[in-house]
Structure formats: structure tokens, C-alpha cells
Amino acid sequence: MLGTGYRMLKPGQFCRRFIQGIALTEVLIAAVLIGMVAIGSIQSMTLLNRDAAATRMLTNARAIVQRNIDTALSVTFTSDPTSAVPAILALTSTAGSVWDDDAGNVNVVDVALQGSTGTQLVQGVLTRIVTDVVPVDAVDILDKPVIRKITFRLDYTYRGRPFSYSLTTMRSIDD
């Protein structure tokens, strides 16, 4: 007697009968695998989109800080005692002071993020730190060249996480 699923072709030869159709368990396993791949893809796309938005926000913060550094490097700064030191180059404490970037009354900077749902406004605080750089070989205060170290730092919060971006440059007198 032959087992189930076998039939006799010729004397001494056996062949397994081909099963027609797909079993329900195979369908369920395939559905679970497709669902897991779909969920993983959606999660990774969401994460990539969130990271892209944070990177765009960082790019906007970098542009704001770079604009202020460029302004500090381009203003006239002379040793003439009758001319005033530009406000952007005025000395601050080592902790710095809040800098009003847009010349408004509020000491916050708007960092805008353009998205598919419109413009999301994130506000941050721009800090300016200007200190004198004293050369090691300057014995007398009169021999000291005027070189200023200028740092701009923008602190902002995006999606509940704090971010900070800063740039530093050096500036000497024009003449």
C-alpha cells in the first residue's frame, strides 16, 4: 500500500502528486511578512522625514549665524578715537549677551521651517560674545594690537529637543 499523495507511474517508480492551490497558513505567513515590511518602511520614512526637517532647521540656524558673522567682518572698525566702535564689535562678558538680529524689540530670532503643511516658526536666542585677544608677546598694553574674537551662538528648541549652532571668527582693526 502506498502512502497518501503517491501514485505508481510504472512498476517500481513512484511520484509525489502535485498539490493544487496554496494553503491558508502560507497565505497568513505571507501577509504577516508583507505587513512587517510595510510597517518597517513607514517607520523608516517617518524617521528620515523627521531628520530632514531637523537638518533644514539647522541649515536655517547656520544661515542666521553666518549672516551675523559676515556683518561683524564687514563693518568699519578703525583705531580713530573719534569714531565709535560698531555695536556688533563692542566687547561683552565671556558669557556673552543676547543679540537682537532683526533690530526689533524682542530678543528672539525667528527660525522658519517651510514644510508641506505651511511655515512652522521656531524661535531661538542669538548670543554674541566679543572678547579681546591679547598676544603672548605684548608686554605693554599700548603694544597690544586690537584683535577681537567674535562668536555668535543660536540656541533653539525643535520638537522638544534643544539645539545650538555657533561660529567664531577673529577681527582686527582695518587700518
N, C-alpha and C. Protein backbone atom coordinates (compact mmCIF):
# COMPACT_ATOMS: atom_id res chain seq x y z
N MET A 1 0.85 -1.17 0.00
CA MET A 1 0.00 0.00 0.00
C MET A 1 0.89 1.23 0.00
N LEU A 2 0.55 2.15 -0.84
CA LEU A 2 1.29 3.39 -0.95
C LEU A 2 0.74 4.41 0.02
N GLY A 3 1.64 5.34 0.46
CA GLY A 3 1.21 6.40 1.36
C GLY A 3 0.38 7.44 0.60
N THR A 4 -0.24 8.29 1.35
CA THR A 4 -1.08 9.33 0.76
C THR A 4 -0.24 10.27 -0.08
N GLY A 5 -0.70 10.63 -1.25
CA GLY A 5 -0.01 11.58 -2.11
C GLY A 5 0.92 10.92 -3.11
N TYR A 6 1.04 9.61 -3.11
CA TYR A 6 1.91 8.92 -4.07
C TYR A 6 1.06 8.12 -5.03
N ARG A 7 1.53 8.01 -6.23
CA ARG A 7 0.87 7.14 -7.19
C ARG A 7 1.95 6.40 -7.96
N MET A 8 1.60 5.35 -8.51
CA MET A 8 2.53 4.50 -9.22
C MET A 8 2.55 4.87 -10.69
N LEU A 9 3.75 5.18 -11.21
CA LEU A 9 3.87 5.50 -12.62
C LEU A 9 4.08 4.22 -13.42
N LYS A 10 5.13 3.56 -13.17
CA LYS A 10 5.47 2.29 -13.81
C LYS A 10 5.84 1.35 -12.68
N PRO A 11 5.92 0.18 -12.92
CA PRO A 11 6.29 -0.74 -11.83
C PRO A 11 7.64 -0.33 -11.23
N GLY A 12 7.67 -0.04 -9.92
CA GLY A 12 8.89 0.31 -9.21
C GLY A 12 9.16 1.82 -9.16
N GLN A 13 8.40 2.68 -9.83
CA GLN A 13 8.60 4.12 -9.80
C GLN A 13 7.42 4.80 -9.11
N PHE A 14 7.75 5.75 -8.27
CA PHE A 14 6.71 6.48 -7.56
C PHE A 14 6.91 7.99 -7.77
N CYS A 15 5.86 8.74 -7.75
CA CYS A 15 5.92 10.20 -7.92
C CYS A 15 4.97 10.86 -6.94
N ARG A 16 5.41 11.92 -6.32
CA ARG A 16 4.55 12.66 -5.39
C ARG A 16 3.55 13.45 -6.22
N ARG A 17 2.29 13.39 -5.83
CA ARG A 17 1.25 14.11 -6.53
C ARG A 17 1.39 15.61 -6.24
N PHE A 18 1.26 16.47 -7.26
CA PHE A 18 1.35 17.92 -7.06
C PHE A 18 0.09 18.42 -6.40
N ILE A 19 0.26 19.21 -5.36
CA ILE A 19 -0.89 19.76 -4.64
C ILE A 19 -1.31 21.03 -5.34
N GLN A 20 -2.56 21.14 -5.64
CA GLN A 20 -3.08 22.30 -6.33
C GLN A 20 -3.49 23.36 -5.31
N GLY A 21 -3.10 24.68 -5.55
CA GLY A 21 -3.52 25.76 -4.67
C GLY A 21 -2.50 26.04 -3.57
N ILE A 22 -2.85 27.03 -2.71
CA ILE A 22 -1.99 27.48 -1.63
C ILE A 22 -2.71 27.25 -0.31
N ALA A 23 -2.00 26.77 0.68
CA ALA A 23 -2.60 26.52 1.99
C ALA A 23 -2.84 27.83 2.72
N LEU A 24 -3.80 27.84 3.61
CA LEU A 24 -4.16 29.02 4.37
C LEU A 24 -2.99 29.50 5.23
N THR A 25 -2.21 28.60 5.77
CA THR A 25 -1.06 29.01 6.60
C THR A 25 -0.02 29.75 5.76
N GLU A 26 0.18 29.32 4.53
CA GLU A 26 1.12 30.03 3.67
C GLU A 26 0.65 31.45 3.38
N VAL A 27 -0.65 31.63 3.18
CA VAL A 27 -1.22 32.95 2.94
C VAL A 27 -1.04 33.83 4.18
N LEU A 28 -1.29 33.29 5.35
CA LEU A 28 -1.14 34.07 6.58
C LEU A 28 0.31 34.47 6.82
N ILE A 29 1.24 33.57 6.59
CA ILE A 29 2.65 33.89 6.78
C ILE A 29 3.09 34.98 5.79
N ALA A 30 2.65 34.87 4.55
CA ALA A 30 2.99 35.89 3.55
C ALA A 30 2.40 37.24 3.94
N ALA A 31 1.16 37.27 4.44
CA ALA A 31 0.53 38.52 4.85
C ALA A 31 1.28 39.15 6.02
N VAL A 32 1.71 38.34 6.98
CA VAL A 32 2.47 38.86 8.12
C VAL A 32 3.80 39.44 7.65
N LEU A 33 4.51 38.75 6.77
CA LEU A 33 5.78 39.25 6.26
C LEU A 33 5.61 40.55 5.49
N ILE A 34 4.59 40.63 4.65
CA ILE A 34 4.34 41.87 3.90
C ILE A 34 3.99 43.00 4.86
N GLY A 35 3.20 42.71 5.88
CA GLY A 35 2.85 43.72 6.89
C GLY A 35 4.06 44.22 7.64
N MET A 36 4.96 43.32 8.01
CA MET A 36 6.18 43.73 8.73
C MET A 36 7.06 44.61 7.85
N VAL A 37 7.19 44.27 6.59
CA VAL A 37 7.99 45.09 5.66
C VAL A 37 7.34 46.46 5.49
N ALA A 38 6.02 46.50 5.37
CA ALA A 38 5.32 47.78 5.20
C ALA A 38 5.48 48.66 6.43
N ILE A 39 5.32 48.09 7.61
CA ILE A 39 5.46 48.87 8.85
C ILE A 39 6.90 49.38 9.00
N GLY A 40 7.88 48.55 8.71
CA GLY A 40 9.28 48.99 8.77
C GLY A 40 9.57 50.10 7.78
N SER A 41 9.01 50.01 6.59
CA SER A 41 9.21 51.06 5.58
C SER A 41 8.59 52.37 6.01
N ILE A 42 7.40 52.32 6.55
CA ILE A 42 6.72 53.54 7.00
C ILE A 42 7.48 54.18 8.16
N GLN A 43 7.94 53.36 9.08
CA GLN A 43 8.72 53.90 10.21
C GLN A 43 10.01 54.55 9.74
N SER A 44 10.71 53.91 8.82
CA SER A 44 11.97 54.49 8.34
C SER A 44 11.72 55.76 7.55
N MET A 45 10.66 55.82 6.76
CA MET A 45 10.35 57.05 6.02
C MET A 45 9.99 58.19 6.98
N THR A 46 9.25 57.89 8.03
CA THR A 46 8.90 58.90 9.02
C THR A 46 10.15 59.42 9.72
N LEU A 47 11.04 58.52 10.08
CA LEU A 47 12.28 58.92 10.73
C LEU A 47 13.15 59.76 9.79
N LEU A 48 13.24 59.36 8.54
CA LEU A 48 14.01 60.13 7.57
C LEU A 48 13.43 61.52 7.37
N ASN A 49 12.10 61.63 7.34
CA ASN A 49 11.45 62.92 7.18
C ASN A 49 11.72 63.81 8.39
N ARG A 50 11.67 63.23 9.58
CA ARG A 50 11.93 64.00 10.80
C ARG A 50 13.38 64.48 10.83
N ASP A 51 14.31 63.62 10.44
CA ASP A 51 15.72 64.02 10.40
C ASP A 51 15.95 65.09 9.34
N ALA A 52 15.27 64.99 8.21
CA ALA A 52 15.41 66.01 7.16
C ALA A 52 14.90 67.36 7.64
N ALA A 53 13.81 67.36 8.39
CA ALA A 53 13.28 68.62 8.93
C ALA A 53 14.25 69.23 9.94
N ALA A 54 14.85 68.41 10.78
CA ALA A 54 15.83 68.92 11.75
C ALA A 54 17.07 69.47 11.03
N THR A 55 17.45 68.83 9.94
CA THR A 55 18.60 69.31 9.17
C THR A 55 18.28 70.63 8.47
N ARG A 56 17.05 70.76 7.96
CA ARG A 56 16.65 72.04 7.36
C ARG A 56 16.65 73.15 8.40
N MET A 57 16.22 72.83 9.61
CA MET A 57 16.22 73.82 10.68
C MET A 57 17.66 74.22 11.03
N LEU A 58 18.57 73.25 11.06
CA LEU A 58 19.97 73.55 11.32
C LEU A 58 20.56 74.42 10.21
N THR A 59 20.17 74.18 8.97
CA THR A 59 20.63 74.99 7.86
C THR A 59 20.16 76.43 8.01
N ASN A 60 18.93 76.62 8.44
CA ASN A 60 18.41 77.98 8.68
C ASN A 60 19.17 78.66 9.82
N ALA A 61 19.44 77.91 10.89
CA ALA A 61 20.21 78.46 12.01
C ALA A 61 21.61 78.84 11.56
N ARG A 62 22.22 77.99 10.74
CA ARG A 62 23.56 78.28 10.22
C ARG A 62 23.55 79.56 9.39
N ALA A 63 22.52 79.76 8.59
CA ALA A 63 22.43 80.96 7.76
C ALA A 63 22.33 82.22 8.62
N ILE A 64 21.56 82.15 9.70
CA ILE A 64 21.42 83.31 10.60
C ILE A 64 22.75 83.64 11.27
N VAL A 65 23.43 82.63 11.78
CA VAL A 65 24.71 82.85 12.45
C VAL A 65 25.75 83.34 11.45
N GLN A 66 25.77 82.74 10.26
CA GLN A 66 26.74 83.16 9.24
C GLN A 66 26.50 84.60 8.79
N ARG A 67 25.24 84.99 8.69
CA ARG A 67 24.91 86.37 8.31
C ARG A 67 25.48 87.36 9.33
N ASN A 68 25.36 87.04 10.61
CA ASN A 68 25.89 87.93 11.65
C ASN A 68 27.42 87.94 11.67
N ILE A 69 28.04 86.81 11.42
CA ILE A 69 29.50 86.78 11.32
C ILE A 69 29.95 87.63 10.14
N ASP A 70 29.26 87.52 9.01
CA ASP A 70 29.61 88.34 7.84
C ASP A 70 29.45 89.82 8.13
N THR A 71 28.41 90.18 8.87
CA THR A 71 28.21 91.58 9.24
C THR A 71 29.35 92.07 10.13
N ALA A 72 29.75 91.24 11.10
CA ALA A 72 30.84 91.62 12.00
C ALA A 72 32.16 91.79 11.24
N LEU A 73 32.35 91.02 10.19
CA LEU A 73 33.58 91.13 9.42
C LEU A 73 33.56 92.28 8.41
N SER A 74 32.38 92.77 8.07
CA SER A 74 32.29 93.78 7.02
C SER A 74 32.10 95.21 7.53
N VAL A 75 31.80 95.41 8.81
CA VAL A 75 31.62 96.77 9.32
C VAL A 75 32.99 97.46 9.43
N THR A 76 32.98 98.76 9.40
CA THR A 76 34.21 99.55 9.52
C THR A 76 34.66 99.55 10.97
N PHE A 77 35.93 99.24 11.18
CA PHE A 77 36.49 99.14 12.53
C PHE A 77 37.88 99.77 12.49
N THR A 78 37.98 101.02 12.92
CA THR A 78 39.24 101.75 12.85
C THR A 78 39.75 102.09 14.24
N SER A 79 41.01 102.51 14.29
CA SER A 79 41.61 102.91 15.57
C SER A 79 41.40 104.38 15.86
N ASP A 80 40.68 105.08 15.00
CA ASP A 80 40.41 106.51 15.18
C ASP A 80 39.58 106.69 16.45
N PRO A 81 40.10 107.47 17.42
CA PRO A 81 39.38 107.63 18.69
C PRO A 81 38.06 108.40 18.54
N THR A 82 37.90 109.14 17.45
CA THR A 82 36.65 109.90 17.28
C THR A 82 35.52 109.03 16.73
N SER A 83 35.87 107.90 16.12
CA SER A 83 34.82 107.02 15.61
C SER A 83 34.43 106.00 16.68
N ALA A 84 33.19 105.73 16.74
CA ALA A 84 32.69 104.78 17.74
C ALA A 84 32.90 103.35 17.24
N VAL A 85 33.05 102.44 18.19
CA VAL A 85 33.15 101.03 17.86
C VAL A 85 31.76 100.56 17.44
N PRO A 86 31.65 99.84 16.33
CA PRO A 86 30.33 99.35 15.93
C PRO A 86 29.72 98.47 17.02
N ALA A 87 28.42 98.52 17.16
CA ALA A 87 27.75 97.77 18.23
C ALA A 87 28.01 96.27 18.13
N ILE A 88 28.14 95.78 16.93
CA ILE A 88 28.34 94.34 16.75
C ILE A 88 29.73 93.91 17.21
N LEU A 89 30.68 94.88 17.32
CA LEU A 89 32.04 94.58 17.76
C LEU A 89 32.32 95.05 19.17
N ALA A 90 31.32 95.57 19.87
CA ALA A 90 31.51 96.03 21.24
C ALA A 90 31.80 94.83 22.14
N LEU A 91 32.72 95.04 23.09
CA LEU A 91 33.11 93.96 23.98
C LEU A 91 31.96 93.52 24.87
N THR A 92 31.92 92.22 25.15
CA THR A 92 30.91 91.65 26.05
C THR A 92 31.64 90.84 27.12
N SER A 93 30.89 90.30 28.04
CA SER A 93 31.49 89.39 29.01
C SER A 93 31.77 88.06 28.32
N THR A 94 32.47 87.18 29.00
CA THR A 94 32.77 85.87 28.39
C THR A 94 31.52 85.02 28.26
N ALA A 95 30.48 85.34 29.02
CA ALA A 95 29.21 84.63 28.88
C ALA A 95 28.42 85.14 27.69
N GLY A 96 28.73 86.35 27.24
CA GLY A 96 28.06 86.93 26.09
C GLY A 96 26.82 87.70 26.46
N SER A 97 26.20 88.26 25.44
CA SER A 97 24.95 88.99 25.64
C SER A 97 24.01 88.65 24.49
N VAL A 98 22.74 88.78 24.76
CA VAL A 98 21.74 88.47 23.73
C VAL A 98 21.82 89.53 22.65
N TRP A 99 21.85 89.09 21.41
CA TRP A 99 21.98 89.99 20.27
C TRP A 99 20.67 89.99 19.51
N ASP A 100 20.17 91.20 19.25
CA ASP A 100 18.91 91.34 18.52
C ASP A 100 19.22 91.39 17.03
N ASP A 101 19.01 90.30 16.37
CA ASP A 101 19.39 90.15 14.97
C ASP A 101 18.55 91.00 14.03
N ASP A 102 17.26 91.07 14.28
CA ASP A 102 16.36 91.75 13.34
C ASP A 102 16.01 93.17 13.77
N ALA A 103 16.71 93.73 14.74
CA ALA A 103 16.52 95.11 15.22
C ALA A 103 15.10 95.36 15.71
N GLY A 104 14.46 94.35 16.22
CA GLY A 104 13.14 94.51 16.81
C GLY A 104 13.27 94.70 18.31
N ASN A 105 12.15 94.75 19.00
CA ASN A 105 12.18 94.95 20.44
C ASN A 105 12.29 93.63 21.20
N VAL A 106 12.03 92.54 20.52
CA VAL A 106 12.07 91.23 21.17
C VAL A 106 13.44 90.60 20.93
N ASN A 107 14.03 90.02 21.95
CA ASN A 107 15.36 89.44 21.83
C ASN A 107 15.32 87.97 21.43
N VAL A 108 14.47 87.64 20.50
CA VAL A 108 14.43 86.28 19.95
C VAL A 108 14.58 86.37 18.44
N VAL A 109 15.08 85.31 17.87
CA VAL A 109 15.29 85.22 16.44
C VAL A 109 14.32 84.19 15.89
N ASP A 110 13.68 84.52 14.78
CA ASP A 110 12.75 83.59 14.15
C ASP A 110 13.51 82.71 13.18
N VAL A 111 13.42 81.40 13.42
CA VAL A 111 14.00 80.42 12.51
C VAL A 111 12.81 79.71 11.87
N ALA A 112 12.55 80.00 10.62
CA ALA A 112 11.36 79.46 9.95
C ALA A 112 11.70 78.16 9.25
N LEU A 113 10.74 77.24 9.26
CA LEU A 113 10.86 75.97 8.57
C LEU A 113 9.69 75.83 7.63
N GLN A 114 9.96 75.80 6.34
CA GLN A 114 8.90 75.66 5.35
C GLN A 114 8.61 74.18 5.16
N GLY A 115 7.39 73.79 5.36
CA GLY A 115 7.01 72.40 5.18
C GLY A 115 5.81 72.27 4.28
N SER A 116 5.33 71.05 4.13
CA SER A 116 4.19 70.81 3.26
C SER A 116 2.90 71.34 3.87
N THR A 117 2.87 71.50 5.19
CA THR A 117 1.67 72.00 5.86
C THR A 117 1.74 73.49 6.11
N GLY A 118 2.77 74.16 5.62
CA GLY A 118 2.91 75.59 5.83
C GLY A 118 4.22 75.91 6.52
N THR A 119 4.31 77.13 7.02
CA THR A 119 5.53 77.57 7.68
C THR A 119 5.42 77.35 9.18
N GLN A 120 6.39 76.66 9.72
CA GLN A 120 6.45 76.44 11.16
C GLN A 120 7.50 77.39 11.71
N LEU A 121 7.12 78.17 12.70
CA LEU A 121 8.01 79.17 13.25
C LEU A 121 8.66 78.65 14.53
N VAL A 122 9.96 78.60 14.53
CA VAL A 122 10.72 78.22 15.72
C VAL A 122 11.54 79.43 16.12
N GLN A 123 11.50 79.76 17.38
CA GLN A 123 12.22 80.93 17.85
C GLN A 123 13.42 80.49 18.69
N GLY A 124 14.49 81.26 18.57
CA GLY A 124 15.70 80.96 19.31
C GLY A 124 16.33 82.23 19.84
N VAL A 125 17.35 82.06 20.64
CA VAL A 125 18.07 83.19 21.24
C VAL A 125 19.46 83.23 20.62
N LEU A 126 19.80 84.39 20.06
CA LEU A 126 21.11 84.59 19.45
C LEU A 126 22.01 85.30 20.46
N THR A 127 23.13 84.68 20.79
CA THR A 127 24.07 85.23 21.76
C THR A 127 25.34 85.68 21.04
N ARG A 128 25.81 86.86 21.40
CA ARG A 128 27.03 87.42 20.81
C ARG A 128 28.08 87.50 21.90
N ILE A 129 29.26 86.95 21.63
CA ILE A 129 30.38 87.01 22.58
C ILE A 129 31.56 87.66 21.86
N VAL A 130 32.00 88.81 22.36
CA VAL A 130 33.13 89.52 21.77
C VAL A 130 34.14 89.76 22.89
N THR A 131 35.34 89.22 22.70
CA THR A 131 36.41 89.39 23.69
C THR A 131 37.68 89.83 22.97
N ASP A 132 38.56 90.50 23.71
CA ASP A 132 39.87 90.89 23.17
C ASP A 132 40.80 89.69 23.19
N VAL A 133 41.60 89.59 22.16
CA VAL A 133 42.64 88.57 22.11
C VAL A 133 43.94 89.27 22.39
N VAL A 134 44.60 88.87 23.47
CA VAL A 134 45.85 89.52 23.86
C VAL A 134 47.00 88.61 23.44
N PRO A 135 47.90 89.11 22.60
CA PRO A 135 49.04 88.28 22.19
C PRO A 135 49.95 87.98 23.37
N VAL A 136 50.64 86.86 23.31
CA VAL A 136 51.52 86.44 24.40
C VAL A 136 52.70 87.38 24.54
N ASP A 137 53.22 87.92 23.44
CA ASP A 137 54.42 88.76 23.49
C ASP A 137 54.14 90.23 23.80
N ALA A 138 52.92 90.61 24.05
CA ALA A 138 52.59 92.01 24.34
C ALA A 138 52.93 92.30 25.80
N VAL A 139 53.97 93.09 26.02
CA VAL A 139 54.40 93.42 27.37
C VAL A 139 53.59 94.60 27.89
N ASP A 140 53.47 95.60 27.09
CA ASP A 140 52.75 96.80 27.48
C ASP A 140 51.38 96.80 26.82
N ILE A 141 50.41 97.34 27.50
CA ILE A 141 49.06 97.38 26.96
C ILE A 141 48.98 98.22 25.68
N LEU A 142 49.92 99.19 25.54
CA LEU A 142 49.90 100.03 24.34
C LEU A 142 50.45 99.28 23.12
N ASP A 143 51.28 98.27 23.37
CA ASP A 143 51.83 97.48 22.27
C ASP A 143 50.85 96.44 21.75
N LYS A 144 49.76 96.30 22.45
CA LYS A 144 48.81 95.24 22.11
C LYS A 144 48.00 95.61 20.87
N PRO A 145 48.03 94.79 19.83
CA PRO A 145 47.15 95.06 18.69
C PRO A 145 45.71 94.73 19.06
N VAL A 146 44.80 95.45 18.45
CA VAL A 146 43.39 95.22 18.76
C VAL A 146 42.88 94.11 17.85
N ILE A 147 42.71 92.94 18.44
CA ILE A 147 42.14 91.79 17.74
C ILE A 147 40.99 91.29 18.60
N ARG A 148 39.86 91.13 17.98
CA ARG A 148 38.68 90.69 18.72
C ARG A 148 38.24 89.32 18.24
N LYS A 149 37.88 88.50 19.20
CA LYS A 149 37.32 87.17 18.91
C LYS A 149 35.80 87.31 19.00
N ILE A 150 35.13 86.98 17.92
CA ILE A 150 33.68 87.17 17.85
C ILE A 150 33.01 85.82 17.68
N THR A 151 32.08 85.53 18.56
CA THR A 151 31.34 84.27 18.50
C THR A 151 29.85 84.58 18.50
N PHE A 152 29.14 83.95 17.59
CA PHE A 152 27.68 84.01 17.58
C PHE A 152 27.16 82.60 17.81
N ARG A 153 26.20 82.48 18.72
CA ARG A 153 25.60 81.18 19.03
C ARG A 153 24.09 81.32 19.01
N LEU A 154 23.43 80.44 18.30
CA LEU A 154 21.97 80.43 18.23
C LEU A 154 21.47 79.19 18.94
N ASP A 155 20.70 79.39 20.01
CA ASP A 155 20.10 78.29 20.77
C ASP A 155 18.61 78.27 20.47
N TYR A 156 18.10 77.10 20.08
CA TYR A 156 16.67 76.97 19.78
C TYR A 156 16.20 75.58 20.16
N THR A 157 14.90 75.42 20.26
CA THR A 157 14.30 74.14 20.58
C THR A 157 13.41 73.71 19.43
N TYR A 158 13.61 72.48 18.99
CA TYR A 158 12.80 71.93 17.90
C TYR A 158 12.34 70.53 18.29
N ARG A 159 11.04 70.32 18.26
CA ARG A 159 10.41 69.05 18.65
C ARG A 159 10.80 68.64 20.07
N GLY A 160 10.89 69.63 20.94
CA GLY A 160 11.17 69.36 22.34
C GLY A 160 12.63 69.09 22.66
N ARG A 161 13.51 69.18 21.67
CA ARG A 161 14.93 68.93 21.90
C ARG A 161 15.72 70.22 21.69
N PRO A 162 16.66 70.52 22.59
CA PRO A 162 17.46 71.74 22.43
C PRO A 162 18.55 71.55 21.38
N PHE A 163 18.75 72.57 20.56
CA PHE A 163 19.80 72.58 19.55
C PHE A 163 20.60 73.87 19.70
N SER A 164 21.85 73.84 19.27
CA SER A 164 22.69 75.02 19.33
C SER A 164 23.64 75.00 18.14
N TYR A 165 23.87 76.18 17.57
CA TYR A 165 24.82 76.30 16.47
C TYR A 165 25.64 77.56 16.70
N SER A 166 26.95 77.46 16.57
CA SER A 166 27.80 78.63 16.80
C SER A 166 28.94 78.68 15.79
N LEU A 167 29.39 79.91 15.54
CA LEU A 167 30.55 80.16 14.69
C LEU A 167 31.42 81.20 15.38
N THR A 168 32.72 81.09 15.18
CA THR A 168 33.67 82.03 15.78
C THR A 168 34.61 82.53 14.70
N THR A 169 34.96 83.81 14.79
CA THR A 169 35.92 84.40 13.88
C THR A 169 36.77 85.42 14.63
N MET A 170 37.81 85.90 13.98
CA MET A 170 38.69 86.92 14.55
C MET A 170 38.58 88.19 13.67
N ARG A 171 38.71 89.34 14.31
CA ARG A 171 38.60 90.61 13.58
C ARG A 171 39.65 91.57 14.13
N SER A 172 40.36 92.20 13.24
CA SER A 172 41.34 93.21 13.66
C SER A 172 40.91 94.56 13.10
N ILE A 173 41.65 95.59 13.50
CA ILE A 173 41.35 96.94 13.05
C ILE A 173 41.67 97.05 11.56
N ASP A 174 40.88 97.86 10.86
CA ASP A 174 41.04 97.99 9.40
C ASP A 174 42.32 98.72 9.00
N ASP A 175 42.78 99.66 9.84
CA ASP A 175 43.96 100.44 9.41
C ASP A 175 45.25 99.97 10.00
